[in-house]
Amino acid sequence: MPDAPVLGAGKTVKLDEAAFSESFHGALVHQSVRAEQAARRRGTAATKTRGMVSGGGAKPWRQKGTGRARAGSNRSPIWTGGGIAFGPHPRSYAFKVNRKERRAALRSALSLHAGRESLGIVDTVSFKEPKTSHAAAMLENWDQPLPTLVALASGERAAALSFRNLAGVAVKNAEDVGVADLLAAASVLLSNDALASLTARARAGSS
């Protein structure tokens, strides 16, 4: 059964085998990361078509006899200041990944860190108040590479404030942690509540 060290406590915590002993499913992980990144895109880029730009009410010149090419509107896409023919418009880039596939990808990412021993546990009870030096000392003693993802529960504000100003450290709510976040981190630090939350998410439907 995999385990993870509790920083500063000199002990380890047993990890749930179903959630942290999954083989790596590269295709599912890739698909989940693409879906998460696509869902984060704002999709607000917009251009005006020839029907949206101002002007163009009158024909620029008569049809024949001028020696120039025919033109019906100065708002044509081939004119400077005209509309855009095939420009972007507001849209959603999100696409669906099946629930079981998402959970399998999450288990793969968690198991990857567990197997590399780059997963640690932080007891947030030691953070009575925000103290960045205490958080920095924890990470230094742990001696894991950066960047580090610190996942905490919503009520663990003092710990979040302690870690958030450290270079190379990203602090996220455990409910918001996705596969892309786990793969982008070289090491992952979880509170006990965050560990329970991620384990529950990864285990659901795993049997």
Protein backbone atom coordinates (compact mmCIF):
# COMPACT_ATOMS: atom_id res chain seq x y z
CA MET A 1 0.00 0.00 0.00
CA PRO A 2 1.46 3.42 -0.94
CA ASP A 3 2.20 6.00 1.72
CA ALA A 4 3.21 9.65 1.98
CA PRO A 5 5.31 11.51 4.56
CA VAL A 6 3.72 14.03 6.91
CA LEU A 7 6.01 17.07 6.75
CA GLY A 8 7.63 17.94 10.06
CA ALA A 9 5.99 15.05 11.93
CA GLY A 10 8.42 12.21 11.22
CA LYS A 11 5.64 9.81 10.23
CA THR A 12 3.80 8.63 7.16
CA VAL A 13 0.18 8.29 6.13
CA LYS A 14 -1.17 5.26 4.32
CA LEU A 15 -2.74 6.22 0.99
CA ASP A 16 -5.84 4.60 -0.42
CA GLU A 17 -4.68 1.83 -2.73
CA ALA A 18 -7.60 2.20 -5.16
CA ALA A 19 -6.87 5.91 -5.67
CA PHE A 20 -3.06 5.91 -5.53
CA SER A 21 -2.01 2.63 -7.16
CA GLU A 22 -3.50 3.07 -10.61
CA SER A 23 -1.40 2.31 -13.68
CA PHE A 24 -0.78 5.32 -15.91
CA HIS A 25 -3.35 5.71 -18.70
CA GLY A 26 -1.63 8.12 -21.07
CA ALA A 27 -4.50 8.50 -23.53
CA LEU A 28 -7.07 9.24 -20.80
CA VAL A 29 -4.73 11.67 -19.06
CA HIS A 30 -4.06 13.50 -22.32
CA GLN A 31 -7.77 13.72 -23.08
CA SER A 32 -8.60 15.01 -19.60
CA VAL A 33 -5.85 17.65 -19.69
CA ARG A 34 -7.07 18.85 -23.08
CA ALA A 35 -10.63 19.06 -21.78
CA GLU A 36 -9.62 21.00 -18.65
CA GLN A 37 -7.50 23.47 -20.61
CA ALA A 38 -10.20 23.92 -23.25
CA ALA A 39 -12.82 24.61 -20.57
CA ARG A 40 -10.60 27.37 -19.14
CA ARG A 41 -10.47 29.24 -22.46
CA ARG A 42 -12.63 32.32 -22.36
CA GLY A 43 -13.63 32.13 -26.01
CA THR A 44 -14.40 35.86 -26.17
CA ALA A 45 -12.43 36.74 -29.33
CA ALA A 46 -14.73 38.46 -31.82
CA THR A 47 -14.50 40.21 -35.19
CA LYS A 48 -17.09 42.10 -37.22
CA THR A 49 -18.45 40.76 -40.47
CA ARG A 50 -19.28 43.06 -43.37
CA GLY A 51 -22.80 43.33 -42.02
CA MET A 52 -21.58 44.69 -38.68
CA VAL A 53 -19.13 47.43 -39.73
CA SER A 54 -20.37 50.93 -40.42
CA GLY A 55 -20.58 52.45 -43.88
CA GLY A 56 -21.05 50.73 -47.20
CA GLY A 57 -24.43 52.24 -48.00
CA ALA A 58 -23.50 53.61 -51.39
CA LYS A 59 -21.74 51.96 -54.30
CA PRO A 60 -18.19 53.42 -54.37
CA TRP A 61 -18.30 54.10 -58.12
CA ARG A 62 -20.42 53.23 -61.09
CA GLN A 63 -20.35 49.71 -62.45
CA LYS A 64 -18.77 50.44 -65.83
CA GLY A 65 -16.59 52.95 -67.57
CA THR A 66 -14.08 53.82 -64.85
CA GLY A 67 -11.38 51.27 -65.71
CA ARG A 68 -11.46 49.95 -62.17
CA ALA A 69 -12.76 46.65 -60.87
CA ARG A 70 -16.40 46.39 -59.92
CA ALA A 71 -17.17 47.34 -56.32
CA GLY A 72 -20.48 47.30 -54.55
CA SER A 73 -19.43 48.27 -51.01
CA ASN A 74 -16.42 49.70 -49.26
CA ARG A 75 -17.15 47.32 -46.36
CA SER A 76 -16.12 44.27 -48.38
CA PRO A 77 -13.54 42.03 -46.69
CA ILE A 78 -10.99 42.84 -49.40
CA TRP A 79 -11.17 46.56 -48.56
CA THR A 80 -9.15 48.21 -45.79
CA GLY A 81 -11.55 48.87 -42.97
CA GLY A 82 -14.00 46.31 -44.29
CA GLY A 83 -15.51 43.36 -42.49
CA ILE A 84 -13.67 40.15 -41.64
CA ALA A 85 -14.70 37.14 -43.71
CA PHE A 86 -13.76 34.21 -41.47
CA GLY A 87 -12.72 35.77 -38.16
CA PRO A 88 -13.34 34.34 -34.70
CA HIS A 89 -16.64 34.75 -32.86
CA PRO A 90 -17.53 34.07 -29.20
CA ARG A 91 -17.75 30.34 -28.58
CA SER A 92 -17.21 27.65 -25.99
CA TYR A 93 -14.19 25.37 -26.45
CA ALA A 94 -15.38 22.86 -23.86
CA PHE A 95 -15.92 19.24 -24.78
CA LYS A 96 -17.13 16.31 -22.73
CA VAL A 97 -15.02 13.58 -21.18
CA ASN A 98 -16.89 10.68 -19.63
CA ARG A 99 -17.02 10.61 -15.84
CA LYS A 100 -15.26 7.25 -15.52
CA GLU A 101 -12.49 8.41 -17.84
CA ARG A 102 -11.98 11.61 -15.83
CA ARG A 103 -11.73 9.62 -12.61
CA ALA A 104 -9.30 7.14 -14.12
CA ALA A 105 -7.14 10.04 -15.33
CA LEU A 106 -7.22 11.60 -11.85
CA ARG A 107 -6.16 8.30 -10.28
CA SER A 108 -3.34 8.05 -12.84
CA ALA A 109 -2.02 11.51 -11.94
CA LEU A 110 -2.25 10.89 -8.19
CA SER A 111 -0.63 7.48 -8.52
CA LEU A 112 2.19 8.99 -10.58
CA HIS A 113 3.16 11.28 -7.70
CA ALA A 114 2.69 8.52 -5.14
CA GLY A 115 4.99 6.25 -7.13
CA ARG A 116 7.62 8.96 -7.50
CA GLU A 117 7.39 9.77 -3.77
CA SER A 118 6.70 13.39 -4.72
CA LEU A 119 3.48 13.46 -2.69
CA GLY A 120 3.48 14.82 0.85
CA ILE A 121 1.00 15.63 3.61
CA VAL A 122 0.90 18.85 5.62
CA ASP A 123 -0.82 19.06 8.99
CA THR A 124 -2.50 22.47 8.80
CA VAL A 125 -3.10 22.46 12.58
CA SER A 126 0.47 23.74 12.91
CA PHE A 127 -0.59 26.94 11.12
CA LYS A 128 -2.37 28.82 13.88
CA GLU A 129 -1.79 32.00 11.88
CA PRO A 130 -0.23 32.77 8.48
CA LYS A 131 3.54 32.28 8.63
CA THR A 132 5.44 32.08 5.36
CA SER A 133 8.76 31.21 7.01
CA HIS A 134 7.19 28.11 8.55
CA ALA A 135 5.85 27.01 5.16
CA ALA A 136 9.21 27.68 3.49
CA ALA A 137 11.05 25.63 6.11
CA MET A 138 8.65 22.73 5.58
CA LEU A 139 9.28 22.65 1.84
CA GLU A 140 13.03 23.04 2.29
CA ASN A 141 13.20 20.08 4.68
CA TRP A 142 11.02 18.01 2.36
CA ASP A 143 13.57 18.60 -0.42
CA GLN A 144 11.28 18.00 -3.40
CA PRO A 145 11.62 19.82 -6.74
CA LEU A 146 9.56 22.83 -7.72
CA PRO A 147 6.99 23.72 -8.89
CA THR A 148 4.91 22.49 -5.99
CA LEU A 149 1.13 22.29 -5.89
CA VAL A 150 -0.38 22.79 -2.45
CA ALA A 151 -3.98 21.58 -2.26
CA LEU A 152 -5.98 22.64 0.78
CA ALA A 153 -9.58 22.58 1.97
CA SER A 154 -11.64 25.76 1.89
CA GLY A 155 -11.38 26.34 5.66
CA GLU A 156 -7.57 26.16 5.83
CA ARG A 157 -6.96 29.84 5.21
CA ALA A 158 -3.94 30.32 7.45
CA ALA A 159 -2.01 27.59 5.65
CA ALA A 160 -3.07 28.95 2.26
CA LEU A 161 -1.79 32.43 3.15
CA SER A 162 1.48 30.90 4.40
CA PHE A 163 2.26 29.04 1.16
CA ARG A 164 0.86 31.38 -1.48
CA ASN A 165 3.74 33.89 -1.50
CA LEU A 166 6.47 31.30 -2.01
CA ALA A 167 8.12 31.22 -5.43
CA GLY A 168 7.32 28.13 -7.44
CA VAL A 169 4.37 27.21 -5.23
CA ALA A 170 0.74 27.21 -6.37
CA VAL A 171 -2.06 26.99 -3.80
CA LYS A 172 -5.45 25.65 -4.87
CA ASN A 173 -8.64 24.48 -3.26
CA ALA A 174 -8.77 20.69 -3.38
CA GLU A 175 -12.14 20.81 -5.14
CA ASP A 176 -10.57 22.81 -7.98
CA VAL A 177 -7.52 20.58 -8.51
CA GLY A 178 -7.58 18.84 -11.87
CA VAL A 179 -5.40 16.42 -13.77
CA ALA A 180 -3.62 19.28 -15.55
CA ASP A 181 -2.68 20.85 -12.20
CA LEU A 182 -1.24 17.59 -10.89
CA LEU A 183 0.80 16.95 -14.03
CA ALA A 184 2.13 20.52 -14.12
CA ALA A 185 3.55 20.11 -10.61
CA ALA A 186 6.83 18.35 -9.87
CA SER A 187 5.62 17.74 -6.31
CA VAL A 188 2.25 17.83 -4.55
CA LEU A 189 1.48 18.73 -0.95
CA LEU A 190 -1.96 17.90 0.47
CA SER A 191 -3.67 18.68 3.74
CA ASN A 192 -5.55 15.84 5.42
CA ASP A 193 -8.89 17.25 4.29
CA ALA A 194 -7.61 17.76 0.76
CA LEU A 195 -6.31 14.19 0.72
CA ALA A 196 -9.76 12.93 1.75
CA SER A 197 -11.45 15.06 -0.89
CA LEU A 198 -9.19 13.95 -3.74
CA THR A 199 -9.36 10.32 -2.62
CA ALA A 200 -13.17 10.45 -2.65
CA ARG A 201 -13.19 12.00 -6.12
CA ALA A 202 -10.74 9.44 -7.49
CA ARG A 203 -12.36 6.42 -5.87
CA ALA A 204 -15.94 7.15 -6.96
CA GLY A 205 -16.92 4.49 -9.45
CA SER A 206 -13.46 2.89 -9.42
CA SER A 207 -14.69 -0.57 -8.46
